[in-house]
Amino acid sequence: MGTATLIFLIIGALGIVIAAVAVLGGDLLDLGDGFVSTELLASLVGGFGFSAAVVNELTGDALGIAAVVFIAIVAAIPLALLASYLVKRMSNMRTDATPTRADLVGTRGVVVTPIPAGGFGEVRVRIGGQPVKLSARAERPVPLGTKVVVTSAVSDTSVIVQEVPEQ
């Protein structure tokens, strides 16, 4: 491995460092009011460095540094644009609303830790298709495995339940 290849690998590694900054610091290195994002900069630097290292190793000294740099730039620009497009798409992706305390009321579940008189037990309910275990109180003791419905939410993790009558 030649000196030029080592320099290009260091430039590629710098792209990885910039990508880590993008993950940890968000838009810390954004330029021009978001025109050049940190992700775009990371993919451009990394794509250039690693592409140049590959081309330089495959061709040796046959092309010369100027040609290697040109080929690396031509390879890095589409990579950077693709990365920027994908980041933008993921950043604007729609998601479901975050469940709130009000969403707990009316959900059905099952007792997973018996609820004693005047004390707390635990129930498992499904919110947004995900099982959630909550602390629970009831007017009277409720045994393990009993089906219940949430009648009110005291907090985001604590509810008041009542037994669902058997039909």
Protein backbone atom coordinates (compact mmCIF):
# COMPACT_ATOMS: atom_id res chain seq x y z
CA MET A 1 0.00 0.00 0.00
CA GLY A 2 1.42 3.31 -1.09
CA THR A 3 1.47 6.66 0.65
CA ALA A 4 -1.27 8.06 -1.61
CA THR A 5 -3.56 5.15 -0.78
CA LEU A 6 -2.96 5.68 2.94
CA ILE A 7 -3.82 9.38 2.60
CA PHE A 8 -7.02 8.50 0.72
CA LEU A 9 -7.98 5.98 3.42
CA ILE A 10 -7.45 8.65 6.09
CA ILE A 11 -9.74 10.99 4.11
CA GLY A 12 -12.34 8.18 3.94
CA ALA A 13 -12.03 7.65 7.69
CA LEU A 14 -12.60 11.38 8.16
CA GLY A 15 -15.91 10.85 6.34
CA ILE A 16 -16.82 8.22 8.93
CA VAL A 17 -15.95 10.65 11.74
CA ILE A 18 -18.17 13.30 10.12
CA ALA A 19 -20.97 10.70 9.87
CA ALA A 20 -20.59 10.03 13.61
CA VAL A 21 -20.91 13.77 14.22
CA ALA A 22 -24.09 13.71 12.13
CA VAL A 23 -25.52 10.90 14.26
CA LEU A 24 -24.52 12.45 17.57
CA GLY A 25 -24.80 16.16 16.82
CA GLY A 26 -27.46 16.38 14.14
CA ASP A 27 -26.99 19.45 11.96
CA LEU A 28 -23.80 20.63 13.67
CA LEU A 29 -21.86 20.92 10.40
CA ASP A 30 -24.72 21.98 8.08
CA LEU A 31 -23.73 24.73 5.66
CA GLY A 32 -25.86 27.29 3.83
CA ASP A 33 -29.07 26.97 5.85
CA GLY A 34 -29.24 23.21 5.32
CA PHE A 35 -28.24 23.25 1.64
CA VAL A 36 -25.20 21.10 2.46
CA SER A 37 -26.11 18.75 5.29
CA THR A 38 -23.68 17.01 7.60
CA GLU A 39 -24.75 13.69 6.10
CA LEU A 40 -24.04 14.95 2.57
CA LEU A 41 -20.62 16.18 3.68
CA ALA A 42 -19.85 12.85 5.39
CA SER A 43 -20.82 10.79 2.35
CA LEU A 44 -18.96 13.10 -0.02
CA VAL A 45 -15.72 12.99 2.00
CA GLY A 46 -16.00 9.26 2.75
CA GLY A 47 -17.01 8.37 -0.80
CA PHE A 48 -14.14 10.40 -2.22
CA GLY A 49 -11.52 8.99 0.15
CA PHE A 50 -12.48 5.34 -0.19
CA SER A 51 -13.10 5.54 -3.95
CA ALA A 52 -9.72 7.18 -4.47
CA ALA A 53 -8.03 4.51 -2.33
CA VAL A 54 -9.64 1.71 -4.37
CA VAL A 55 -8.82 3.29 -7.74
CA ASN A 56 -5.26 4.06 -6.65
CA GLU A 57 -4.67 0.49 -5.45
CA LEU A 58 -6.19 -1.07 -8.59
CA THR A 59 -4.28 1.08 -11.05
CA GLY A 60 -1.06 1.70 -9.16
CA ASP A 61 0.89 4.59 -10.66
CA ALA A 62 -0.51 4.04 -14.16
CA LEU A 63 -3.14 6.81 -13.96
CA GLY A 64 -1.49 9.43 -11.84
CA ILE A 65 -2.95 11.25 -8.83
CA ALA A 66 -4.95 13.79 -10.88
CA ALA A 67 -6.85 11.05 -12.71
CA VAL A 68 -7.45 9.13 -9.47
CA VAL A 69 -8.83 12.27 -7.82
CA PHE A 70 -11.10 12.96 -10.82
CA ILE A 71 -12.49 9.40 -10.83
CA ALA A 72 -13.03 9.54 -7.05
CA ILE A 73 -14.93 12.83 -7.34
CA VAL A 74 -17.10 11.39 -10.11
CA ALA A 75 -17.85 8.38 -7.89
CA ALA A 76 -18.39 10.39 -4.69
CA ILE A 77 -20.92 12.91 -6.01
CA PRO A 78 -23.69 10.37 -6.81
CA LEU A 79 -23.03 8.62 -3.50
CA ALA A 80 -23.39 11.90 -1.62
CA LEU A 81 -26.57 12.86 -3.47
CA LEU A 82 -28.08 9.43 -2.82
CA ALA A 83 -27.18 9.62 0.87
CA SER A 84 -28.64 13.12 1.14
CA TYR A 85 -31.86 12.00 -0.56
CA LEU A 86 -32.23 8.97 1.72
CA VAL A 87 -31.58 11.00 4.88
CA LYS A 88 -34.13 13.60 3.80
CA ARG A 89 -36.71 10.87 3.10
CA MET A 90 -36.14 9.23 6.47
CA SER A 91 -36.24 12.55 8.32
CA ASN A 92 -39.65 13.40 6.87
CA MET A 93 -41.12 9.93 7.35
CA ARG A 94 -44.58 9.91 8.89
CA THR A 95 -45.04 7.99 12.12
CA ASP A 96 -47.99 7.19 14.32
CA ALA A 97 -48.75 9.55 17.17
CA THR A 98 -47.07 8.74 20.47
CA PRO A 99 -49.56 7.06 22.81
CA THR A 100 -50.64 9.20 25.75
CA ARG A 101 -52.25 8.54 29.10
CA ALA A 102 -55.68 9.09 27.55
CA ASP A 103 -55.04 6.22 25.12
CA LEU A 104 -54.84 3.79 28.05
CA VAL A 105 -58.46 4.31 29.09
CA GLY A 106 -60.68 1.61 27.64
CA THR A 107 -57.89 -0.79 26.74
CA ARG A 108 -58.34 -4.40 27.74
CA GLY A 109 -55.67 -6.48 29.34
CA VAL A 110 -54.86 -9.27 31.72
CA VAL A 111 -53.55 -9.29 35.30
CA VAL A 112 -49.94 -10.52 35.40
CA THR A 113 -49.30 -9.78 39.09
CA PRO A 114 -52.33 -10.16 41.40
CA ILE A 115 -53.86 -6.89 42.56
CA PRO A 116 -54.36 -6.91 46.36
CA ALA A 117 -57.04 -4.92 48.19
CA GLY A 118 -55.79 -1.34 48.51
CA GLY A 119 -52.48 -2.16 46.80
CA PHE A 120 -50.81 -2.36 43.42
CA GLY A 121 -50.51 -5.27 41.05
CA GLU A 122 -49.61 -5.34 37.37
CA VAL A 123 -51.57 -5.68 34.16
CA ARG A 124 -50.46 -6.19 30.57
CA VAL A 125 -52.33 -4.26 27.88
CA ARG A 126 -51.68 -3.64 24.19
CA ILE A 127 -51.15 -0.10 22.93
CA GLY A 128 -50.48 0.38 19.25
CA GLY A 129 -50.02 -3.37 18.93
CA GLN A 130 -47.26 -3.43 21.55
CA PRO A 131 -47.63 -5.14 24.94
CA VAL A 132 -47.16 -2.75 27.86
CA LYS A 133 -46.99 -3.71 31.53
CA LEU A 134 -48.51 -1.17 33.94
CA SER A 135 -48.98 -0.85 37.68
CA ALA A 136 -52.64 -1.33 38.50
CA ARG A 137 -55.12 -0.81 41.32
CA ALA A 138 -58.70 -2.01 41.61
CA GLU A 139 -61.64 -1.56 44.00
CA ARG A 140 -61.31 -5.15 45.16
CA PRO A 141 -58.62 -7.86 44.86
CA VAL A 142 -58.13 -9.23 41.34
CA PRO A 143 -56.41 -12.62 40.85
CA LEU A 144 -53.70 -13.53 38.33
CA GLY A 145 -54.95 -14.12 34.78
CA THR A 146 -58.18 -12.13 35.16
CA LYS A 147 -59.23 -10.10 32.14
CA VAL A 148 -59.60 -6.41 32.96
CA VAL A 149 -60.40 -3.07 31.34
CA VAL A 150 -58.63 0.19 32.20
CA THR A 151 -61.14 2.67 33.63
CA SER A 152 -58.71 5.53 34.32
CA ALA A 153 -55.04 6.37 34.03
CA VAL A 154 -53.44 7.79 37.18
CA SER A 155 -50.12 8.34 35.36
CA ASP A 156 -48.37 7.11 32.23
CA THR A 157 -47.49 3.87 34.03
CA SER A 158 -50.25 3.45 36.60
CA VAL A 159 -53.93 2.66 35.95
CA ILE A 160 -57.15 1.77 37.70
CA VAL A 161 -58.86 -1.33 36.33
CA GLN A 162 -61.99 -3.36 36.78
CA GLU A 163 -62.72 -6.96 35.90
CA VAL A 164 -64.35 -7.72 32.56
CA PRO A 165 -67.47 -9.76 33.27
CA GLU A 166 -67.40 -13.27 31.82
CA GLN A 167 -69.92 -13.77 29.04
